[in-house]
Amino acid sequence: MRILIVGEGGRAPALEGALEAGGIDVEHASEGELSVPSGDDVRELAGALLAFDRLFSDDPPDGVLLVSASNVALSAVLVATKLQIPVAALAEEVPESPAVGVNRRLVDELADGTVADDPATIATTLRDLIAA
C-alpha cells in the first residue's frame, strides 16, 4: 500500500517513520515541493489543485493522509475525492485561525474518515478505506 501524506503538521515526520516501519510505502507532499504560489488563498488553492491533478494522474497513491487543514491539504482532498482516491484526515485541535477553521470543516466533510494521531489506527483506517 502506498500513501501520500499531505501537510506540514509537526507530526508528519514521526508518522512517516512509524507507518513505514509498519510496512506502508509513504511519500510526503510538502507545500514547498509542490511549487504552489503563496500569499493569496485563491492562487494557492488553484496552484495546488493543478499540482495534485498532475501528481495523482501520473501515479496515484492508494490513499492520502492529511496532517493539516492548509489550502494545500484542502486542494489534495478535492482532487483525491474527484479521482476516488481514499482520504483520511488527522484529527486536529481547534484551528488557530478562522481561515483554517473553514478549511478544517471542508476537509472533514470531504475526507472518507478522520483518524487519531496514532500510526496503527491510521494504517488500519487507510487499509479499510482502500479495501472498500
N, C-alpha and C. Protein backbone atom coordinates (compact mmCIF):
# COMPACT_ATOMS: atom_id res chain seq x y z
N MET A 1 0.85 -1.17 0.00
CA MET A 1 0.00 0.00 0.00
C MET A 1 0.90 1.24 0.00
N ARG A 2 0.56 2.19 -0.85
CA ARG A 2 1.32 3.44 -0.94
C ARG A 2 0.40 4.60 -0.61
N ILE A 3 0.82 5.39 0.38
CA ILE A 3 0.02 6.55 0.74
C ILE A 3 0.85 7.82 0.59
N LEU A 4 0.15 8.91 0.40
CA LEU A 4 0.76 10.22 0.31
C LEU A 4 0.32 11.03 1.51
N ILE A 5 1.29 11.53 2.28
CA ILE A 5 0.99 12.42 3.40
C ILE A 5 1.06 13.84 2.88
N VAL A 6 0.02 14.61 3.16
CA VAL A 6 -0.06 16.00 2.71
C VAL A 6 -0.18 16.91 3.91
N GLY A 7 0.67 17.91 3.96
CA GLY A 7 0.58 18.91 5.02
C GLY A 7 1.89 19.06 5.76
N GLU A 8 1.92 20.10 6.51
CA GLU A 8 3.15 20.47 7.22
C GLU A 8 3.03 20.25 8.72
N GLY A 9 2.10 19.44 9.15
CA GLY A 9 1.92 19.20 10.58
C GLY A 9 3.20 18.70 11.24
N GLY A 10 3.42 19.10 12.48
CA GLY A 10 4.63 18.74 13.20
C GLY A 10 4.82 17.25 13.39
N ARG A 11 3.75 16.48 13.31
CA ARG A 11 3.84 15.03 13.50
C ARG A 11 4.15 14.29 12.20
N ALA A 12 4.17 14.97 11.07
CA ALA A 12 4.35 14.29 9.79
C ALA A 12 5.59 13.42 9.74
N PRO A 13 6.77 13.90 10.13
CA PRO A 13 7.97 13.04 10.05
C PRO A 13 7.87 11.79 10.94
N ALA A 14 7.36 11.94 12.13
CA ALA A 14 7.22 10.79 13.03
C ALA A 14 6.21 9.79 12.48
N LEU A 15 5.10 10.31 11.93
CA LEU A 15 4.10 9.42 11.35
C LEU A 15 4.65 8.68 10.14
N GLU A 16 5.41 9.40 9.31
CA GLU A 16 6.02 8.75 8.15
C GLU A 16 6.87 7.56 8.58
N GLY A 17 7.74 7.79 9.56
CA GLY A 17 8.61 6.72 10.03
C GLY A 17 7.85 5.54 10.61
N ALA A 18 6.85 5.84 11.42
CA ALA A 18 6.07 4.77 12.05
C ALA A 18 5.26 3.99 11.02
N LEU A 19 4.69 4.67 10.04
CA LEU A 19 3.92 3.97 9.02
C LEU A 19 4.83 3.12 8.13
N GLU A 20 6.01 3.65 7.80
CA GLU A 20 6.96 2.86 7.01
C GLU A 20 7.42 1.63 7.78
N ALA A 21 7.62 1.78 9.08
CA ALA A 21 8.00 0.63 9.91
C ALA A 21 6.90 -0.43 9.92
N GLY A 22 5.66 0.01 9.70
CA GLY A 22 4.53 -0.91 9.64
C GLY A 22 4.29 -1.48 8.26
N GLY A 23 5.22 -1.25 7.34
CA GLY A 23 5.11 -1.87 6.01
C GLY A 23 4.35 -1.06 4.98
N ILE A 24 4.13 0.22 5.24
CA ILE A 24 3.41 1.07 4.29
C ILE A 24 4.42 1.94 3.56
N ASP A 25 4.30 2.01 2.24
CA ASP A 25 5.15 2.87 1.44
C ASP A 25 4.59 4.29 1.55
N VAL A 26 5.39 5.20 2.09
CA VAL A 26 4.92 6.56 2.39
C VAL A 26 5.70 7.58 1.57
N GLU A 27 4.95 8.50 1.00
CA GLU A 27 5.53 9.67 0.34
C GLU A 27 4.97 10.89 1.04
N HIS A 28 5.67 12.01 0.96
CA HIS A 28 5.21 13.23 1.61
C HIS A 28 5.20 14.36 0.59
N ALA A 29 4.07 15.01 0.45
CA ALA A 29 3.95 16.17 -0.43
C ALA A 29 3.93 17.42 0.44
N SER A 30 5.06 18.09 0.49
CA SER A 30 5.11 19.32 1.27
C SER A 30 4.75 20.49 0.37
N GLU A 31 4.32 21.56 1.00
CA GLU A 31 3.90 22.73 0.24
C GLU A 31 5.03 23.27 -0.62
N GLY A 32 6.26 23.22 -0.13
CA GLY A 32 7.39 23.71 -0.89
C GLY A 32 7.70 22.87 -2.11
N GLU A 33 7.54 21.56 -2.00
CA GLU A 33 7.84 20.65 -3.11
C GLU A 33 6.84 20.75 -4.25
N LEU A 34 5.64 21.23 -3.98
CA LEU A 34 4.60 21.29 -4.99
C LEU A 34 4.68 22.55 -5.85
N SER A 35 5.57 23.46 -5.52
CA SER A 35 5.71 24.74 -6.24
C SER A 35 4.39 25.48 -6.31
N VAL A 36 3.75 25.60 -5.17
CA VAL A 36 2.46 26.28 -5.08
C VAL A 36 2.71 27.74 -4.69
N PRO A 37 2.13 28.70 -5.41
CA PRO A 37 2.31 30.10 -5.03
C PRO A 37 1.69 30.36 -3.66
N SER A 38 2.32 31.22 -2.90
CA SER A 38 1.79 31.52 -1.57
C SER A 38 1.41 32.99 -1.49
N GLY A 39 0.71 33.33 -0.42
CA GLY A 39 0.35 34.71 -0.17
C GLY A 39 -1.09 35.04 -0.49
N ASP A 40 -1.68 34.37 -1.44
CA ASP A 40 -3.06 34.63 -1.85
C ASP A 40 -3.79 33.29 -1.83
N ASP A 41 -4.86 33.21 -1.04
CA ASP A 41 -5.56 31.94 -0.89
C ASP A 41 -6.04 31.34 -2.21
N VAL A 42 -6.61 32.16 -3.06
CA VAL A 42 -7.16 31.64 -4.32
C VAL A 42 -6.05 31.12 -5.23
N ARG A 43 -4.95 31.85 -5.34
CA ARG A 43 -3.82 31.37 -6.15
C ARG A 43 -3.21 30.11 -5.56
N GLU A 44 -3.12 30.08 -4.25
CA GLU A 44 -2.56 28.90 -3.59
C GLU A 44 -3.44 27.68 -3.84
N LEU A 45 -4.75 27.84 -3.70
CA LEU A 45 -5.67 26.73 -3.96
C LEU A 45 -5.59 26.28 -5.42
N ALA A 46 -5.61 27.24 -6.34
CA ALA A 46 -5.56 26.91 -7.77
C ALA A 46 -4.26 26.19 -8.12
N GLY A 47 -3.15 26.71 -7.64
CA GLY A 47 -1.86 26.07 -7.91
C GLY A 47 -1.78 24.67 -7.35
N ALA A 48 -2.29 24.49 -6.15
CA ALA A 48 -2.26 23.17 -5.52
C ALA A 48 -3.21 22.20 -6.23
N LEU A 49 -4.37 22.68 -6.66
CA LEU A 49 -5.29 21.82 -7.41
C LEU A 49 -4.61 21.29 -8.67
N LEU A 50 -3.94 22.16 -9.39
CA LEU A 50 -3.23 21.74 -10.60
C LEU A 50 -2.09 20.77 -10.28
N ALA A 51 -1.34 21.07 -9.22
CA ALA A 51 -0.22 20.21 -8.83
C ALA A 51 -0.71 18.80 -8.46
N PHE A 52 -1.79 18.72 -7.67
CA PHE A 52 -2.29 17.40 -7.28
C PHE A 52 -2.95 16.68 -8.45
N ASP A 53 -3.57 17.41 -9.35
CA ASP A 53 -4.14 16.77 -10.53
C ASP A 53 -3.04 16.11 -11.34
N ARG A 54 -1.92 16.79 -11.54
CA ARG A 54 -0.79 16.20 -12.26
C ARG A 54 -0.21 15.01 -11.49
N LEU A 55 0.02 15.21 -10.21
CA LEU A 55 0.62 14.18 -9.37
C LEU A 55 -0.24 12.91 -9.33
N PHE A 56 -1.54 13.08 -9.11
CA PHE A 56 -2.42 11.93 -8.99
C PHE A 56 -2.73 11.28 -10.34
N SER A 57 -2.68 12.05 -11.41
CA SER A 57 -2.92 11.48 -12.73
C SER A 57 -1.73 10.66 -13.20
N ASP A 58 -0.52 11.11 -12.88
CA ASP A 58 0.69 10.41 -13.30
C ASP A 58 0.88 9.09 -12.54
N ASP A 59 0.73 9.14 -11.24
CA ASP A 59 1.00 7.96 -10.40
C ASP A 59 0.18 8.07 -9.11
N PRO A 60 -1.11 7.73 -9.17
CA PRO A 60 -1.96 7.93 -8.00
C PRO A 60 -1.56 7.04 -6.82
N PRO A 61 -1.58 7.59 -5.61
CA PRO A 61 -1.34 6.77 -4.43
C PRO A 61 -2.58 5.92 -4.14
N ASP A 62 -2.43 4.93 -3.28
CA ASP A 62 -3.58 4.13 -2.87
C ASP A 62 -4.49 4.91 -1.92
N GLY A 63 -3.89 5.84 -1.18
CA GLY A 63 -4.63 6.65 -0.22
C GLY A 63 -3.86 7.91 0.12
N VAL A 64 -4.56 8.85 0.73
CA VAL A 64 -3.98 10.13 1.12
C VAL A 64 -4.26 10.36 2.60
N LEU A 65 -3.24 10.83 3.32
CA LEU A 65 -3.40 11.21 4.72
C LEU A 65 -3.12 12.69 4.84
N LEU A 66 -4.09 13.45 5.32
CA LEU A 66 -3.95 14.89 5.51
C LEU A 66 -3.57 15.16 6.96
N VAL A 67 -2.44 15.85 7.17
CA VAL A 67 -1.99 16.13 8.53
C VAL A 67 -2.17 17.60 8.90
N SER A 68 -2.88 18.33 8.05
CA SER A 68 -3.19 19.73 8.35
C SER A 68 -4.47 20.09 7.61
N ALA A 69 -4.90 21.32 7.80
CA ALA A 69 -6.07 21.83 7.08
C ALA A 69 -5.67 23.06 6.27
N SER A 70 -4.47 23.02 5.74
CA SER A 70 -3.96 24.13 4.92
C SER A 70 -4.69 24.17 3.58
N ASN A 71 -4.44 25.21 2.83
CA ASN A 71 -5.01 25.29 1.47
C ASN A 71 -4.52 24.13 0.61
N VAL A 72 -3.28 23.74 0.80
CA VAL A 72 -2.73 22.61 0.04
C VAL A 72 -3.46 21.33 0.41
N ALA A 73 -3.72 21.11 1.69
CA ALA A 73 -4.45 19.92 2.12
C ALA A 73 -5.88 19.92 1.57
N LEU A 74 -6.51 21.09 1.59
CA LEU A 74 -7.86 21.21 1.04
C LEU A 74 -7.85 20.86 -0.45
N SER A 75 -6.86 21.34 -1.17
CA SER A 75 -6.74 21.02 -2.60
C SER A 75 -6.55 19.53 -2.81
N ALA A 76 -5.73 18.91 -1.97
CA ALA A 76 -5.48 17.48 -2.10
C ALA A 76 -6.76 16.67 -1.92
N VAL A 77 -7.56 17.02 -0.91
CA VAL A 77 -8.79 16.26 -0.68
C VAL A 77 -9.78 16.48 -1.82
N LEU A 78 -9.82 17.66 -2.40
CA LEU A 78 -10.71 17.91 -3.53
C LEU A 78 -10.34 17.04 -4.73
N VAL A 79 -9.06 17.03 -5.09
CA VAL A 79 -8.62 16.26 -6.25
C VAL A 79 -8.73 14.76 -5.97
N ALA A 80 -8.31 14.33 -4.80
CA ALA A 80 -8.38 12.91 -4.46
C ALA A 80 -9.83 12.42 -4.47
N THR A 81 -10.74 13.21 -3.93
CA THR A 81 -12.15 12.83 -3.91
C THR A 81 -12.68 12.70 -5.34
N LYS A 82 -12.33 13.65 -6.19
CA LYS A 82 -12.76 13.63 -7.59
C LYS A 82 -12.25 12.37 -8.29
N LEU A 83 -11.01 11.96 -7.97
CA LEU A 83 -10.41 10.79 -8.60
C LEU A 83 -10.68 9.49 -7.83
N GLN A 84 -11.50 9.57 -6.80
CA GLN A 84 -11.90 8.42 -5.98
C GLN A 84 -10.71 7.74 -5.30
N ILE A 85 -9.78 8.57 -4.81
CA ILE A 85 -8.67 8.08 -4.01
C ILE A 85 -9.07 8.28 -2.55
N PRO A 86 -9.05 7.24 -1.72
CA PRO A 86 -9.46 7.37 -0.32
C PRO A 86 -8.58 8.38 0.44
N VAL A 87 -9.25 9.16 1.30
CA VAL A 87 -8.56 10.20 2.08
C VAL A 87 -8.93 10.06 3.55
N ALA A 88 -7.91 10.09 4.40
CA ALA A 88 -8.11 10.15 5.85
C ALA A 88 -7.49 11.46 6.33
N ALA A 89 -8.19 12.13 7.22
CA ALA A 89 -7.69 13.39 7.79
C ALA A 89 -7.33 13.17 9.25
N LEU A 90 -6.17 13.68 9.63
CA LEU A 90 -5.74 13.60 11.01
C LEU A 90 -6.59 14.54 11.84
N ALA A 91 -7.17 14.03 12.92
CA ALA A 91 -7.99 14.87 13.79
C ALA A 91 -7.11 15.96 14.40
N GLU A 92 -7.62 17.17 14.43
CA GLU A 92 -6.85 18.30 14.96
C GLU A 92 -7.62 18.98 16.08
N GLU A 93 -6.87 19.70 16.87
CA GLU A 93 -7.47 20.53 17.90
C GLU A 93 -8.13 21.74 17.23
N VAL A 94 -8.59 22.68 18.02
CA VAL A 94 -9.24 23.88 17.49
C VAL A 94 -8.27 24.62 16.58
N PRO A 95 -8.70 24.99 15.36
CA PRO A 95 -7.83 25.69 14.43
C PRO A 95 -7.36 27.03 14.99
N GLU A 96 -6.16 27.42 14.55
CA GLU A 96 -5.57 28.66 15.06
C GLU A 96 -6.11 29.91 14.39
N SER A 97 -6.78 29.80 13.25
CA SER A 97 -7.32 30.98 12.58
C SER A 97 -8.66 30.65 11.95
N PRO A 98 -9.49 31.68 11.71
CA PRO A 98 -10.79 31.44 11.07
C PRO A 98 -10.66 30.80 9.69
N ALA A 99 -9.64 31.21 8.91
CA ALA A 99 -9.46 30.64 7.57
C ALA A 99 -9.17 29.15 7.65
N VAL A 100 -8.32 28.76 8.58
CA VAL A 100 -8.01 27.34 8.75
C VAL A 100 -9.25 26.60 9.27
N GLY A 101 -10.07 27.28 10.06
CA GLY A 101 -11.31 26.67 10.55
C GLY A 101 -12.25 26.31 9.40
N VAL A 102 -12.35 27.18 8.40
CA VAL A 102 -13.17 26.90 7.23
C VAL A 102 -12.59 25.70 6.48
N ASN A 103 -11.29 25.72 6.28
CA ASN A 103 -10.64 24.59 5.61
C ASN A 103 -10.87 23.29 6.38
N ARG A 104 -10.76 23.34 7.70
CA ARG A 104 -10.94 22.15 8.53
C ARG A 104 -12.33 21.57 8.34
N ARG A 105 -13.34 22.42 8.33
CA ARG A 105 -14.71 21.92 8.14
C ARG A 105 -14.87 21.26 6.77
N LEU A 106 -14.29 21.85 5.74
CA LEU A 106 -14.37 21.28 4.40
C LEU A 106 -13.59 19.97 4.30
N VAL A 107 -12.39 19.95 4.85
CA VAL A 107 -11.58 18.73 4.84
C VAL A 107 -12.32 17.61 5.57
N ASP A 108 -12.86 17.90 6.73
CA ASP A 108 -13.57 16.87 7.50
C ASP A 108 -14.81 16.36 6.75
N GLU A 109 -15.46 17.24 6.02
CA GLU A 109 -16.65 16.85 5.26
C GLU A 109 -16.29 15.97 4.06
N LEU A 110 -15.19 16.29 3.38
CA LEU A 110 -14.82 15.58 2.17
C LEU A 110 -14.01 14.31 2.41
N ALA A 111 -13.25 14.28 3.48
CA ALA A 111 -12.41 13.10 3.76
C ALA A 111 -13.30 11.88 4.04
N ASP A 112 -12.78 10.73 3.69
CA ASP A 112 -13.51 9.49 3.92
C ASP A 112 -13.51 9.08 5.38
N GLY A 113 -12.58 9.64 6.15
CA GLY A 113 -12.51 9.33 7.57
C GLY A 113 -11.58 10.28 8.28
N THR A 114 -11.77 10.40 9.58
CA THR A 114 -10.89 11.20 10.43
C THR A 114 -10.25 10.23 11.40
N VAL A 115 -8.93 10.36 11.56
CA VAL A 115 -8.19 9.40 12.37
C VAL A 115 -7.43 10.09 13.49
N ALA A 116 -7.22 9.34 14.55
CA ALA A 116 -6.42 9.83 15.68
C ALA A 116 -4.95 9.81 15.28
N ASP A 117 -4.18 10.55 16.01
CA ASP A 117 -2.74 10.68 15.75
C ASP A 117 -2.00 9.45 16.28
N ASP A 118 -2.29 8.29 15.68
CA ASP A 118 -1.70 7.03 16.10
C ASP A 118 -1.41 6.19 14.85
N PRO A 119 -0.16 5.86 14.60
CA PRO A 119 0.18 5.15 13.36
C PRO A 119 -0.60 3.86 13.13
N ALA A 120 -0.83 3.08 14.16
CA ALA A 120 -1.57 1.83 13.98
C ALA A 120 -3.01 2.10 13.55
N THR A 121 -3.64 3.08 14.16
CA THR A 121 -5.01 3.45 13.79
C THR A 121 -5.06 4.00 12.37
N ILE A 122 -4.08 4.83 12.03
CA ILE A 122 -4.02 5.40 10.69
C ILE A 122 -3.86 4.28 9.65
N ALA A 123 -2.94 3.35 9.89
CA ALA A 123 -2.71 2.25 8.95
C ALA A 123 -3.96 1.41 8.78
N THR A 124 -4.61 1.07 9.87
CA THR A 124 -5.82 0.26 9.79
C THR A 124 -6.92 0.99 9.04
N THR A 125 -7.12 2.27 9.36
CA THR A 125 -8.16 3.06 8.71
C THR A 125 -7.90 3.16 7.21
N LEU A 126 -6.65 3.47 6.83
CA LEU A 126 -6.34 3.60 5.40
C LEU A 126 -6.51 2.26 4.68
N ARG A 127 -6.09 1.17 5.30
CA ARG A 127 -6.27 -0.14 4.68
C ARG A 127 -7.77 -0.43 4.46
N ASP A 128 -8.58 -0.11 5.46
CA ASP A 128 -10.03 -0.32 5.35
C ASP A 128 -10.64 0.56 4.27
N LEU A 129 -10.21 1.82 4.19
CA LEU A 129 -10.74 2.74 3.17
C LEU A 129 -10.35 2.28 1.76
N ILE A 130 -9.13 1.81 1.61
CA ILE A 130 -8.65 1.37 0.30
C ILE A 130 -9.36 0.09 -0.12
N ALA A 131 -9.62 -0.80 0.82
CA ALA A 131 -10.28 -2.06 0.51
C ALA A 131 -11.77 -1.87 0.18
N ALA A 132 -12.35 -0.77 0.65
CA ALA A 132 -13.80 -0.54 0.47
C ALA A 132 -14.19 -0.29 -0.97
